[in-house]
Amino acid sequence: MTDDIRVITVDISGPAGLLEGLINAKTGVEPRAIAVLAHPLPTAGGTMHTKAVFHAAKALARIDVAVLRFNFRGVGRSPGSFSDGVGELDDFRAALAFMMARYPDVTRVWCGGMSFGSWVSLTAGAGDPHVTALLGIACPVNKYDYSSVAASRKPTFLVHGEFDELIPLKEVRKFYATLSEPKELVVIDGADHLFDGKASEVGDAVEDLLQDFND
């Protein structure tokens, strides 16, 4: 049953102005975890409505997680302009602080994102002692530095397309090998970088990975 999931429009006080966001959460249920999801590269058309991000958020809400997705600075109604990751890291930290303030009694705090957003979210999450798990979708490990993620030794869950044309699966497998347990990698058969035609399978993978995870 998903008809008890509500979508709440929120404005987040960010360093470049108010960031627009959406929270998916079950009605009348104290969430077992909170999560923040970051979208792909703004300059390549990534937004909080990117299909794989949308399906990941829906999946998390189905398993009693209150999840925030938001637009980085310069995307949608969020003011500002792209700042090559530096400002986006600050945006993500502001979104994370917003969720922790909104749900102060929830101790499981998860950070996730897709593509560029995975680098932002996993980097911010790796350095935040409140964050208990990391979720990376289509991680561009061949383009950005993920060393802090491996060094954090936090539970990390990855979802990747078998035929990702931008980040070869073999590169993700090499990164995955550097992570400590617990960790899991789900490969979506036949999927490209944006999971075209397979975005709902990303949601299914996220649900399978995290429905029984309680750290």
N, C-alpha and C. Protein backbone atom coordinates (compact mmCIF):
# COMPACT_ATOMS: atom_id res chain seq x y z
N MET A 1 0.85 -1.20 0.00
CA MET A 1 0.00 0.00 0.00
C MET A 1 0.88 1.25 0.00
N THR A 2 0.64 2.11 -0.96
CA THR A 2 1.41 3.35 -1.03
C THR A 2 0.52 4.58 -0.94
N ASP A 3 -0.82 4.39 -0.80
CA ASP A 3 -1.70 5.55 -0.79
C ASP A 3 -1.65 6.30 0.53
N ASP A 4 -0.92 5.77 1.52
CA ASP A 4 -0.77 6.50 2.78
C ASP A 4 0.50 7.32 2.80
N ILE A 5 1.17 7.43 1.67
CA ILE A 5 2.39 8.23 1.58
C ILE A 5 2.03 9.63 1.09
N ARG A 6 2.45 10.63 1.84
CA ARG A 6 2.18 12.00 1.44
C ARG A 6 3.46 12.65 0.93
N VAL A 7 3.29 13.65 0.09
CA VAL A 7 4.41 14.42 -0.44
C VAL A 7 4.25 15.86 0.05
N ILE A 8 5.24 16.34 0.77
CA ILE A 8 5.19 17.65 1.40
C ILE A 8 6.19 18.57 0.72
N THR A 9 5.72 19.72 0.28
CA THR A 9 6.60 20.72 -0.31
C THR A 9 7.24 21.54 0.80
N VAL A 10 8.56 21.69 0.75
CA VAL A 10 9.27 22.43 1.79
C VAL A 10 10.27 23.40 1.17
N ASP A 11 10.61 24.41 1.93
CA ASP A 11 11.69 25.33 1.57
C ASP A 11 12.78 25.21 2.63
N ILE A 12 14.01 25.04 2.17
CA ILE A 12 15.15 24.79 3.05
C ILE A 12 16.06 26.02 3.02
N SER A 13 16.42 26.48 4.18
CA SER A 13 17.32 27.63 4.25
C SER A 13 18.73 27.19 3.86
N GLY A 14 19.14 27.56 2.64
CA GLY A 14 20.46 27.19 2.15
C GLY A 14 21.39 28.38 2.10
N PRO A 15 22.68 28.14 1.91
CA PRO A 15 23.64 29.24 1.92
C PRO A 15 23.49 30.20 0.75
N ALA A 16 22.82 29.75 -0.34
CA ALA A 16 22.61 30.64 -1.49
C ALA A 16 21.16 31.11 -1.58
N GLY A 17 20.35 30.75 -0.58
CA GLY A 17 18.93 31.10 -0.60
C GLY A 17 18.08 29.88 -0.32
N LEU A 18 16.76 30.03 -0.43
CA LEU A 18 15.86 28.94 -0.12
C LEU A 18 15.91 27.86 -1.19
N LEU A 19 16.18 26.64 -0.76
CA LEU A 19 16.20 25.49 -1.67
C LEU A 19 14.83 24.84 -1.66
N GLU A 20 14.31 24.54 -2.86
CA GLU A 20 13.01 23.88 -2.90
C GLU A 20 13.20 22.38 -2.73
N GLY A 21 12.29 21.78 -1.96
CA GLY A 21 12.40 20.36 -1.70
C GLY A 21 11.06 19.69 -1.56
N LEU A 22 11.07 18.38 -1.58
CA LEU A 22 9.89 17.54 -1.39
C LEU A 22 10.23 16.44 -0.40
N ILE A 23 9.36 16.22 0.56
CA ILE A 23 9.52 15.12 1.51
C ILE A 23 8.45 14.07 1.20
N ASN A 24 8.87 12.83 1.03
CA ASN A 24 7.96 11.69 0.95
C ASN A 24 7.99 10.99 2.30
N ALA A 25 6.81 10.80 2.89
CA ALA A 25 6.74 10.16 4.20
C ALA A 25 5.36 9.54 4.39
N LYS A 26 5.32 8.47 5.15
CA LYS A 26 4.04 7.84 5.46
C LYS A 26 3.26 8.68 6.46
N THR A 27 1.95 8.70 6.27
CA THR A 27 1.07 9.44 7.16
C THR A 27 0.89 8.67 8.47
N GLY A 28 1.05 9.39 9.59
CA GLY A 28 0.78 8.79 10.90
C GLY A 28 1.77 7.74 11.35
N VAL A 29 2.95 7.71 10.74
CA VAL A 29 3.97 6.72 11.09
C VAL A 29 5.24 7.45 11.50
N GLU A 30 5.77 7.10 12.67
CA GLU A 30 7.07 7.64 13.06
C GLU A 30 8.13 6.96 12.21
N PRO A 31 8.88 7.71 11.41
CA PRO A 31 9.84 7.06 10.51
C PRO A 31 10.94 6.33 11.27
N ARG A 32 11.34 5.18 10.73
CA ARG A 32 12.43 4.44 11.36
C ARG A 32 13.78 5.02 10.97
N ALA A 33 13.79 5.83 9.92
CA ALA A 33 15.02 6.51 9.48
C ALA A 33 14.60 7.75 8.70
N ILE A 34 15.56 8.67 8.55
CA ILE A 34 15.38 9.80 7.64
C ILE A 34 16.48 9.72 6.60
N ALA A 35 16.19 10.28 5.43
CA ALA A 35 17.17 10.24 4.34
C ALA A 35 17.09 11.53 3.54
N VAL A 36 18.22 11.90 2.95
CA VAL A 36 18.29 13.01 2.02
C VAL A 36 18.90 12.48 0.73
N LEU A 37 18.23 12.77 -0.40
CA LEU A 37 18.70 12.33 -1.71
C LEU A 37 19.11 13.53 -2.56
N ALA A 38 20.24 13.41 -3.23
CA ALA A 38 20.74 14.48 -4.10
C ALA A 38 20.65 14.04 -5.56
N HIS A 39 20.36 15.01 -6.42
CA HIS A 39 20.12 14.70 -7.84
C HIS A 39 21.39 14.79 -8.69
N PRO A 40 21.31 14.29 -9.93
CA PRO A 40 22.48 14.33 -10.82
C PRO A 40 22.90 15.75 -11.20
N LEU A 41 23.95 15.82 -11.98
CA LEU A 41 24.62 17.07 -12.35
C LEU A 41 23.62 18.10 -12.91
N PRO A 42 23.53 19.27 -12.26
CA PRO A 42 22.59 20.30 -12.73
C PRO A 42 22.85 20.73 -14.17
N THR A 43 24.11 20.83 -14.55
CA THR A 43 24.44 21.30 -15.89
C THR A 43 24.13 20.28 -16.97
N ALA A 44 23.78 19.07 -16.56
CA ALA A 44 23.37 18.03 -17.51
C ALA A 44 21.88 17.73 -17.41
N GLY A 45 21.16 18.61 -16.72
CA GLY A 45 19.71 18.47 -16.64
C GLY A 45 19.19 17.74 -15.41
N GLY A 46 20.06 17.45 -14.45
CA GLY A 46 19.62 16.74 -13.25
C GLY A 46 18.77 17.62 -12.36
N THR A 47 17.68 17.06 -11.82
CA THR A 47 16.82 17.76 -10.87
C THR A 47 16.31 16.74 -9.86
N MET A 48 15.58 17.23 -8.86
CA MET A 48 15.00 16.32 -7.88
C MET A 48 13.90 15.45 -8.49
N HIS A 49 13.49 15.79 -9.72
CA HIS A 49 12.47 15.00 -10.41
C HIS A 49 13.07 13.96 -11.35
N THR A 50 14.40 13.88 -11.44
CA THR A 50 15.03 12.83 -12.24
C THR A 50 14.42 11.49 -11.86
N LYS A 51 14.06 10.69 -12.86
CA LYS A 51 13.22 9.52 -12.62
C LYS A 51 13.78 8.55 -11.59
N ALA A 52 15.07 8.26 -11.66
CA ALA A 52 15.64 7.30 -10.71
C ALA A 52 15.62 7.85 -9.29
N VAL A 53 15.81 9.15 -9.13
CA VAL A 53 15.74 9.78 -7.81
C VAL A 53 14.31 9.72 -7.29
N PHE A 54 13.36 10.02 -8.16
CA PHE A 54 11.94 9.95 -7.81
C PHE A 54 11.57 8.55 -7.32
N HIS A 55 12.00 7.53 -8.04
CA HIS A 55 11.65 6.15 -7.66
C HIS A 55 12.39 5.72 -6.39
N ALA A 56 13.61 6.20 -6.20
CA ALA A 56 14.33 5.88 -4.96
C ALA A 56 13.62 6.50 -3.76
N ALA A 57 13.13 7.72 -3.92
CA ALA A 57 12.41 8.38 -2.82
C ALA A 57 11.12 7.64 -2.50
N LYS A 58 10.38 7.25 -3.52
CA LYS A 58 9.16 6.49 -3.29
C LYS A 58 9.45 5.18 -2.56
N ALA A 59 10.53 4.52 -2.96
CA ALA A 59 10.88 3.24 -2.34
C ALA A 59 11.22 3.41 -0.87
N LEU A 60 11.99 4.43 -0.55
CA LEU A 60 12.35 4.68 0.85
C LEU A 60 11.10 4.98 1.68
N ALA A 61 10.19 5.76 1.13
CA ALA A 61 8.96 6.05 1.88
C ALA A 61 8.15 4.79 2.13
N ARG A 62 8.16 3.87 1.18
CA ARG A 62 7.42 2.62 1.35
C ARG A 62 7.92 1.81 2.54
N ILE A 63 9.21 1.95 2.85
CA ILE A 63 9.79 1.17 3.95
C ILE A 63 9.97 2.03 5.20
N ASP A 64 9.07 3.00 5.36
CA ASP A 64 8.96 3.81 6.58
C ASP A 64 10.15 4.75 6.81
N VAL A 65 10.69 5.26 5.72
CA VAL A 65 11.74 6.27 5.81
C VAL A 65 11.17 7.60 5.33
N ALA A 66 11.37 8.65 6.09
CA ALA A 66 11.01 10.00 5.64
C ALA A 66 12.18 10.52 4.81
N VAL A 67 11.92 10.83 3.54
CA VAL A 67 13.02 11.14 2.63
C VAL A 67 12.81 12.50 1.97
N LEU A 68 13.86 13.28 1.98
CA LEU A 68 13.87 14.60 1.35
C LEU A 68 14.69 14.54 0.07
N ARG A 69 14.10 15.01 -1.02
CA ARG A 69 14.89 15.31 -2.23
C ARG A 69 14.73 16.79 -2.51
N PHE A 70 15.75 17.42 -3.04
CA PHE A 70 15.71 18.88 -3.18
C PHE A 70 16.50 19.28 -4.41
N ASN A 71 16.26 20.50 -4.86
CA ASN A 71 17.01 21.04 -5.99
C ASN A 71 18.21 21.83 -5.50
N PHE A 72 19.37 21.49 -6.04
CA PHE A 72 20.57 22.27 -5.76
C PHE A 72 20.38 23.72 -6.22
N ARG A 73 21.23 24.59 -5.75
CA ARG A 73 21.26 25.99 -6.17
C ARG A 73 21.25 26.09 -7.70
N GLY A 74 20.44 27.00 -8.21
CA GLY A 74 20.38 27.22 -9.65
C GLY A 74 19.48 26.26 -10.40
N VAL A 75 18.80 25.36 -9.68
CA VAL A 75 17.91 24.38 -10.32
C VAL A 75 16.48 24.65 -9.85
N GLY A 76 15.53 24.69 -10.80
CA GLY A 76 14.14 24.95 -10.44
C GLY A 76 14.00 26.29 -9.75
N ARG A 77 13.34 26.29 -8.58
CA ARG A 77 13.14 27.54 -7.83
C ARG A 77 14.29 27.86 -6.88
N SER A 78 15.30 26.98 -6.82
CA SER A 78 16.43 27.23 -5.91
C SER A 78 17.36 28.28 -6.52
N PRO A 79 17.57 29.42 -5.83
CA PRO A 79 18.39 30.49 -6.40
C PRO A 79 19.88 30.14 -6.39
N GLY A 80 20.63 30.93 -7.14
CA GLY A 80 22.07 30.73 -7.19
C GLY A 80 22.48 30.10 -8.51
N SER A 81 23.71 29.66 -8.56
CA SER A 81 24.22 29.04 -9.79
C SER A 81 25.18 27.91 -9.42
N PHE A 82 25.37 27.01 -10.36
CA PHE A 82 26.21 25.84 -10.15
C PHE A 82 27.61 26.27 -9.72
N SER A 83 28.17 25.58 -8.71
CA SER A 83 29.49 25.98 -8.22
C SER A 83 30.46 24.80 -8.16
N ASP A 84 30.29 23.86 -9.08
CA ASP A 84 31.26 22.79 -9.29
C ASP A 84 31.45 21.89 -8.08
N GLY A 85 30.42 21.78 -7.26
CA GLY A 85 30.46 20.85 -6.14
C GLY A 85 30.65 21.50 -4.78
N VAL A 86 31.37 22.60 -4.72
CA VAL A 86 31.66 23.23 -3.42
C VAL A 86 30.37 23.74 -2.79
N GLY A 87 29.62 24.54 -3.53
CA GLY A 87 28.36 25.06 -3.02
C GLY A 87 27.32 23.97 -2.85
N GLU A 88 27.36 22.99 -3.73
CA GLU A 88 26.39 21.90 -3.66
C GLU A 88 26.60 21.06 -2.40
N LEU A 89 27.84 20.91 -1.97
CA LEU A 89 28.10 20.25 -0.69
C LEU A 89 27.46 21.04 0.46
N ASP A 90 27.57 22.36 0.40
CA ASP A 90 26.94 23.19 1.43
C ASP A 90 25.43 23.08 1.37
N ASP A 91 24.88 23.03 0.14
CA ASP A 91 23.44 22.85 0.00
C ASP A 91 22.99 21.53 0.64
N PHE A 92 23.74 20.49 0.38
CA PHE A 92 23.36 19.18 0.92
C PHE A 92 23.42 19.19 2.44
N ARG A 93 24.45 19.78 2.98
CA ARG A 93 24.57 19.84 4.44
C ARG A 93 23.41 20.62 5.06
N ALA A 94 22.96 21.67 4.36
CA ALA A 94 21.81 22.44 4.84
C ALA A 94 20.55 21.58 4.80
N ALA A 95 20.39 20.78 3.75
CA ALA A 95 19.23 19.90 3.63
C ALA A 95 19.26 18.82 4.71
N LEU A 96 20.43 18.31 4.99
CA LEU A 96 20.58 17.29 6.03
C LEU A 96 20.24 17.88 7.40
N ALA A 97 20.72 19.07 7.68
CA ALA A 97 20.41 19.73 8.95
C ALA A 97 18.92 19.99 9.07
N PHE A 98 18.28 20.34 7.96
CA PHE A 98 16.84 20.58 7.95
C PHE A 98 16.08 19.32 8.37
N MET A 99 16.46 18.18 7.80
CA MET A 99 15.77 16.93 8.12
C MET A 99 16.03 16.49 9.56
N MET A 100 17.24 16.67 10.03
CA MET A 100 17.54 16.27 11.42
C MET A 100 16.79 17.15 12.41
N ALA A 101 16.60 18.42 12.06
CA ALA A 101 15.82 19.32 12.93
C ALA A 101 14.33 18.98 12.88
N ARG A 102 13.86 18.54 11.72
CA ARG A 102 12.44 18.21 11.56
C ARG A 102 12.09 16.91 12.27
N TYR A 103 13.04 15.98 12.31
CA TYR A 103 12.81 14.67 12.94
C TYR A 103 13.89 14.44 14.01
N PRO A 104 13.87 15.21 15.10
CA PRO A 104 14.98 15.17 16.06
C PRO A 104 15.11 13.85 16.82
N ASP A 105 14.07 13.06 16.86
CA ASP A 105 14.12 11.80 17.62
C ASP A 105 14.54 10.60 16.78
N VAL A 106 14.74 10.82 15.48
CA VAL A 106 15.14 9.71 14.61
C VAL A 106 16.67 9.65 14.55
N THR A 107 17.20 8.51 14.92
CA THR A 107 18.66 8.38 15.03
C THR A 107 19.31 7.76 13.80
N ARG A 108 18.53 7.12 12.96
CA ARG A 108 19.08 6.57 11.71
C ARG A 108 18.99 7.65 10.64
N VAL A 109 20.14 8.07 10.16
CA VAL A 109 20.22 9.17 9.19
C VAL A 109 20.99 8.67 7.97
N TRP A 110 20.32 8.66 6.83
CA TRP A 110 20.93 8.11 5.62
C TRP A 110 21.12 9.19 4.57
N CYS A 111 22.24 9.14 3.87
CA CYS A 111 22.54 10.08 2.79
C CYS A 111 22.64 9.31 1.49
N GLY A 112 21.98 9.82 0.45
CA GLY A 112 22.03 9.15 -0.85
C GLY A 112 21.97 10.14 -1.98
N GLY A 113 22.29 9.65 -3.15
CA GLY A 113 22.23 10.51 -4.32
C GLY A 113 22.55 9.74 -5.58
N MET A 114 22.32 10.40 -6.71
CA MET A 114 22.55 9.79 -8.01
C MET A 114 23.59 10.56 -8.78
N SER A 115 24.53 9.84 -9.38
CA SER A 115 25.58 10.39 -10.23
C SER A 115 26.34 11.48 -9.47
N PHE A 116 26.44 12.69 -10.01
CA PHE A 116 27.10 13.79 -9.29
C PHE A 116 26.53 13.92 -7.87
N GLY A 117 25.22 13.76 -7.74
CA GLY A 117 24.59 13.85 -6.43
C GLY A 117 25.06 12.78 -5.47
N SER A 118 25.51 11.64 -5.99
CA SER A 118 26.04 10.61 -5.09
C SER A 118 27.38 11.04 -4.52
N TRP A 119 28.19 11.70 -5.34
CA TRP A 119 29.48 12.18 -4.82
C TRP A 119 29.23 13.22 -3.72
N VAL A 120 28.30 14.14 -3.98
CA VAL A 120 27.99 15.17 -2.99
C VAL A 120 27.47 14.54 -1.70
N SER A 121 26.48 13.68 -1.84
CA SER A 121 25.81 13.13 -0.65
C SER A 121 26.71 12.19 0.13
N LEU A 122 27.44 11.34 -0.56
CA LEU A 122 28.31 10.39 0.13
C LEU A 122 29.49 11.10 0.78
N THR A 123 30.00 12.15 0.13
CA THR A 123 31.10 12.91 0.72
C THR A 123 30.62 13.64 1.97
N ALA A 124 29.46 14.29 1.88
CA ALA A 124 28.92 14.98 3.05
C ALA A 124 28.58 13.99 4.15
N GLY A 125 27.98 12.88 3.78
CA GLY A 125 27.59 11.88 4.78
C GLY A 125 28.77 11.21 5.44
N ALA A 126 29.83 10.99 4.68
CA ALA A 126 31.01 10.34 5.24
C ALA A 126 31.63 11.19 6.34
N GLY A 127 31.50 12.51 6.20
CA GLY A 127 32.12 13.40 7.18
C GLY A 127 31.22 13.84 8.30
N ASP A 128 29.98 13.36 8.34
CA ASP A 128 29.03 13.77 9.36
C ASP A 128 28.81 12.64 10.35
N PRO A 129 29.13 12.83 11.61
CA PRO A 129 29.01 11.74 12.59
C PRO A 129 27.57 11.30 12.83
N HIS A 130 26.59 12.11 12.45
CA HIS A 130 25.19 11.72 12.64
C HIS A 130 24.73 10.71 11.59
N VAL A 131 25.41 10.67 10.47
CA VAL A 131 24.97 9.85 9.34
C VAL A 131 25.39 8.40 9.57
N THR A 132 24.41 7.49 9.39
CA THR A 132 24.64 6.09 9.72
C THR A 132 24.74 5.17 8.51
N ALA A 133 24.34 5.64 7.30
CA ALA A 133 24.43 4.79 6.11
C ALA A 133 24.47 5.66 4.87
N LEU A 134 25.05 5.11 3.80
CA LEU A 134 25.24 5.82 2.54
C LEU A 134 24.65 5.02 1.39
N LEU A 135 24.02 5.72 0.45
CA LEU A 135 23.40 5.09 -0.71
C LEU A 135 23.84 5.81 -1.97
N GLY A 136 24.54 5.11 -2.85
CA GLY A 136 25.03 5.72 -4.08
C GLY A 136 24.42 5.06 -5.30
N ILE A 137 23.84 5.87 -6.19
CA ILE A 137 23.24 5.39 -7.42
C ILE A 137 24.02 5.96 -8.59
N ALA A 138 24.53 5.07 -9.45
CA ALA A 138 25.31 5.49 -10.62
C ALA A 138 26.47 6.39 -10.22
N CYS A 139 27.28 5.93 -9.28
CA CYS A 139 28.37 6.75 -8.73
C CYS A 139 29.48 6.97 -9.76
N PRO A 140 29.83 8.22 -10.06
CA PRO A 140 30.92 8.51 -11.01
C PRO A 140 32.30 8.41 -10.34
N VAL A 141 32.65 7.20 -9.95
CA VAL A 141 33.89 6.98 -9.21
C VAL A 141 35.13 7.22 -10.07
N ASN A 142 34.95 7.28 -11.38
CA ASN A 142 36.07 7.57 -12.28
C ASN A 142 36.21 9.06 -12.56
N LYS A 143 35.35 9.88 -11.98
CA LYS A 143 35.38 11.32 -12.24
C LYS A 143 35.57 12.16 -10.98
N TYR A 144 35.19 11.62 -9.81
CA TYR A 144 35.27 12.35 -8.55
C TYR A 144 36.00 11.49 -7.51
N ASP A 145 36.47 12.16 -6.47
CA ASP A 145 37.23 11.50 -5.42
C ASP A 145 36.29 10.96 -4.34
N TYR A 146 36.18 9.65 -4.24
CA TYR A 146 35.34 9.00 -3.25
C TYR A 146 36.15 8.41 -2.09
N SER A 147 37.41 8.81 -1.94
CA SER A 147 38.26 8.19 -0.93
C SER A 147 37.74 8.38 0.48
N SER A 148 37.09 9.52 0.74
CA SER A 148 36.56 9.76 2.08
C SER A 148 35.43 8.79 2.42
N VAL A 149 34.74 8.31 1.40
CA VAL A 149 33.64 7.36 1.62
C VAL A 149 34.19 6.03 2.11
N ALA A 150 35.23 5.55 1.43
CA ALA A 150 35.85 4.30 1.86
C ALA A 150 36.48 4.45 3.25
N ALA A 151 37.08 5.60 3.49
CA ALA A 151 37.74 5.83 4.78
C ALA A 151 36.74 5.93 5.93
N SER A 152 35.50 6.30 5.63
CA SER A 152 34.51 6.48 6.69
C SER A 152 34.08 5.17 7.32
N ARG A 153 34.19 4.09 6.59
CA ARG A 153 33.81 2.75 7.06
C ARG A 153 32.33 2.67 7.44
N LYS A 154 31.51 3.51 6.82
CA LYS A 154 30.08 3.45 7.08
C LYS A 154 29.42 2.45 6.13
N PRO A 155 28.31 1.85 6.56
CA PRO A 155 27.58 0.95 5.66
C PRO A 155 27.25 1.68 4.36
N THR A 156 27.56 1.06 3.24
CA THR A 156 27.39 1.71 1.94
C THR A 156 26.68 0.76 0.98
N PHE A 157 25.67 1.29 0.33
CA PHE A 157 24.86 0.52 -0.61
C PHE A 157 24.92 1.20 -1.97
N LEU A 158 25.20 0.42 -3.00
CA LEU A 158 25.37 0.97 -4.34
C LEU A 158 24.41 0.31 -5.33
N VAL A 159 23.93 1.12 -6.27
CA VAL A 159 23.10 0.64 -7.37
C VAL A 159 23.73 1.17 -8.66
N HIS A 160 23.94 0.29 -9.64
CA HIS A 160 24.61 0.72 -10.87
C HIS A 160 24.02 0.00 -12.06
N GLY A 161 24.05 0.67 -13.19
CA GLY A 161 23.58 0.08 -14.43
C GLY A 161 24.63 -0.81 -15.08
N GLU A 162 24.20 -1.95 -15.57
CA GLU A 162 25.13 -2.90 -16.20
C GLU A 162 25.89 -2.27 -17.36
N PHE A 163 25.20 -1.44 -18.14
CA PHE A 163 25.81 -0.85 -19.33
C PHE A 163 25.93 0.67 -19.21
N ASP A 164 26.24 1.14 -18.01
CA ASP A 164 26.46 2.58 -17.80
C ASP A 164 27.56 3.05 -18.75
N GLU A 165 27.18 3.99 -19.63
CA GLU A 165 28.12 4.43 -20.67
C GLU A 165 29.10 5.48 -20.16
N LEU A 166 28.86 6.05 -18.98
CA LEU A 166 29.75 7.07 -18.42
C LEU A 166 30.67 6.52 -17.35
N ILE A 167 30.18 5.59 -16.56
CA ILE A 167 30.98 4.99 -15.49
C ILE A 167 30.96 3.48 -15.66
N PRO A 168 32.03 2.90 -16.21
CA PRO A 168 32.05 1.46 -16.43
C PRO A 168 31.84 0.69 -15.13
N LEU A 169 31.07 -0.36 -15.21
CA LEU A 169 30.78 -1.17 -14.04
C LEU A 169 32.05 -1.67 -13.37
N LYS A 170 33.08 -1.96 -14.16
CA LYS A 170 34.32 -2.47 -13.57
C LYS A 170 34.96 -1.44 -12.63
N GLU A 171 34.78 -0.15 -12.93
CA GLU A 171 35.33 0.90 -12.05
C GLU A 171 34.57 0.93 -10.73
N VAL A 172 33.26 0.73 -10.79
CA VAL A 172 32.46 0.69 -9.57
C VAL A 172 32.80 -0.53 -8.74
N ARG A 173 33.04 -1.64 -9.39
CA ARG A 173 33.43 -2.86 -8.65
C ARG A 173 34.77 -2.65 -7.93
N LYS A 174 35.69 -1.93 -8.57
CA LYS A 174 36.97 -1.64 -7.90
C LYS A 174 36.76 -0.77 -6.67
N PHE A 175 35.91 0.24 -6.80
CA PHE A 175 35.59 1.09 -5.65
C PHE A 175 34.90 0.27 -4.57
N TYR A 176 33.97 -0.55 -4.96
CA TYR A 176 33.22 -1.37 -4.01
C TYR A 176 34.16 -2.26 -3.19
N ALA A 177 35.21 -2.72 -3.83
CA ALA A 177 36.18 -3.59 -3.13
C ALA A 177 36.92 -2.86 -2.02
N THR A 178 36.97 -1.53 -2.08
CA THR A 178 37.66 -0.76 -1.04
C THR A 178 36.79 -0.49 0.17
N LEU A 179 35.50 -0.78 0.08
CA LEU A 179 34.56 -0.46 1.16
C LEU A 179 34.57 -1.55 2.21
N SER A 180 34.32 -1.15 3.45
CA SER A 180 34.22 -2.12 4.53
C SER A 180 32.79 -2.63 4.63
N GLU A 181 32.64 -3.77 5.27
CA GLU A 181 31.31 -4.31 5.52
C GLU A 181 30.62 -3.50 6.62
N PRO A 182 29.29 -3.45 6.62
CA PRO A 182 28.38 -4.02 5.62
C PRO A 182 28.32 -3.17 4.35
N LYS A 183 28.16 -3.83 3.23
CA LYS A 183 28.06 -3.16 1.94
C LYS A 183 27.31 -4.08 0.98
N GLU A 184 26.69 -3.49 -0.01
CA GLU A 184 26.03 -4.27 -1.05
C GLU A 184 26.04 -3.47 -2.34
N LEU A 185 26.16 -4.20 -3.45
CA LEU A 185 26.10 -3.61 -4.78
C LEU A 185 25.04 -4.35 -5.58
N VAL A 186 24.07 -3.60 -6.11
CA VAL A 186 23.06 -4.17 -6.99
C VAL A 186 23.29 -3.64 -8.40
N VAL A 187 23.39 -4.53 -9.36
CA VAL A 187 23.57 -4.16 -10.76
C VAL A 187 22.24 -4.34 -11.48
N ILE A 188 21.75 -3.27 -12.11
CA ILE A 188 20.50 -3.33 -12.86
C ILE A 188 20.81 -3.82 -14.27
N ASP A 189 20.30 -4.98 -14.61
CA ASP A 189 20.59 -5.60 -15.90
C ASP A 189 20.17 -4.69 -17.06
N GLY A 190 21.10 -4.51 -18.00
CA GLY A 190 20.79 -3.79 -19.22
C GLY A 190 20.61 -2.30 -19.08
N ALA A 191 20.89 -1.74 -17.90
CA ALA A 191 20.60 -0.32 -17.66
C ALA A 191 21.77 0.57 -18.06
N ASP A 192 21.42 1.77 -18.57
CA ASP A 192 22.43 2.78 -18.88
C ASP A 192 22.59 3.72 -17.68
N HIS A 193 23.29 4.83 -17.89
CA HIS A 193 23.61 5.71 -16.77
C HIS A 193 22.35 6.30 -16.11
N LEU A 194 21.37 6.67 -16.93
CA LEU A 194 20.15 7.27 -16.40
C LEU A 194 19.06 6.24 -16.12
N PHE A 195 19.39 4.95 -16.31
CA PHE A 195 18.42 3.87 -16.10
C PHE A 195 17.17 4.09 -16.96
N ASP A 196 17.41 4.51 -18.20
CA ASP A 196 16.30 4.79 -19.12
C ASP A 196 15.43 3.55 -19.30
N GLY A 197 14.15 3.69 -18.98
CA GLY A 197 13.23 2.57 -19.08
C GLY A 197 13.32 1.60 -17.92
N LYS A 198 14.22 1.85 -16.99
CA LYS A 198 14.44 0.94 -15.87
C LYS A 198 14.50 1.66 -14.52
N ALA A 199 14.01 2.90 -14.49
CA ALA A 199 14.10 3.70 -13.26
C ALA A 199 13.33 3.06 -12.11
N SER A 200 12.21 2.41 -12.41
CA SER A 200 11.45 1.77 -11.34
C SER A 200 12.24 0.63 -10.71
N GLU A 201 13.15 0.02 -11.49
CA GLU A 201 13.99 -1.05 -10.94
C GLU A 201 15.00 -0.50 -9.93
N VAL A 202 15.36 0.77 -10.08
CA VAL A 202 16.21 1.40 -9.06
C VAL A 202 15.45 1.46 -7.74
N GLY A 203 14.19 1.87 -7.80
CA GLY A 203 13.37 1.88 -6.60
C GLY A 203 13.26 0.51 -5.96
N ASP A 204 13.03 -0.51 -6.79
CA ASP A 204 12.94 -1.87 -6.27
C ASP A 204 14.24 -2.28 -5.58
N ALA A 205 15.37 -1.91 -6.18
CA ALA A 205 16.67 -2.26 -5.61
C ALA A 205 16.88 -1.56 -4.27
N VAL A 206 16.52 -0.29 -4.20
CA VAL A 206 16.67 0.47 -2.95
C VAL A 206 15.81 -0.15 -1.86
N GLU A 207 14.60 -0.52 -2.20
CA GLU A 207 13.71 -1.15 -1.22
C GLU A 207 14.29 -2.47 -0.73
N ASP A 208 14.77 -3.27 -1.65
CA ASP A 208 15.35 -4.57 -1.27
C ASP A 208 16.59 -4.39 -0.39
N LEU A 209 17.42 -3.42 -0.73
CA LEU A 209 18.66 -3.20 0.01
C LEU A 209 18.42 -2.74 1.44
N LEU A 210 17.43 -1.89 1.64
CA LEU A 210 17.32 -1.17 2.90
C LEU A 210 16.11 -1.51 3.75
N GLN A 211 15.22 -2.35 3.25
CA GLN A 211 13.99 -2.61 4.04
C GLN A 211 14.29 -3.30 5.36
N ASP A 212 15.34 -4.10 5.43
CA ASP A 212 15.67 -4.80 6.68
C ASP A 212 16.93 -4.24 7.35
N PHE A 213 17.43 -3.12 6.84
CA PHE A 213 18.65 -2.53 7.40
C PHE A 213 18.28 -1.60 8.55
N ASN A 214 18.82 -1.85 9.73
CA ASN A 214 18.41 -1.09 10.91
C ASN A 214 19.57 -0.50 11.69
N ASP A 215 20.74 -0.40 11.10
CA ASP A 215 21.87 0.23 11.79
C ASP A 215 21.76 1.75 11.75
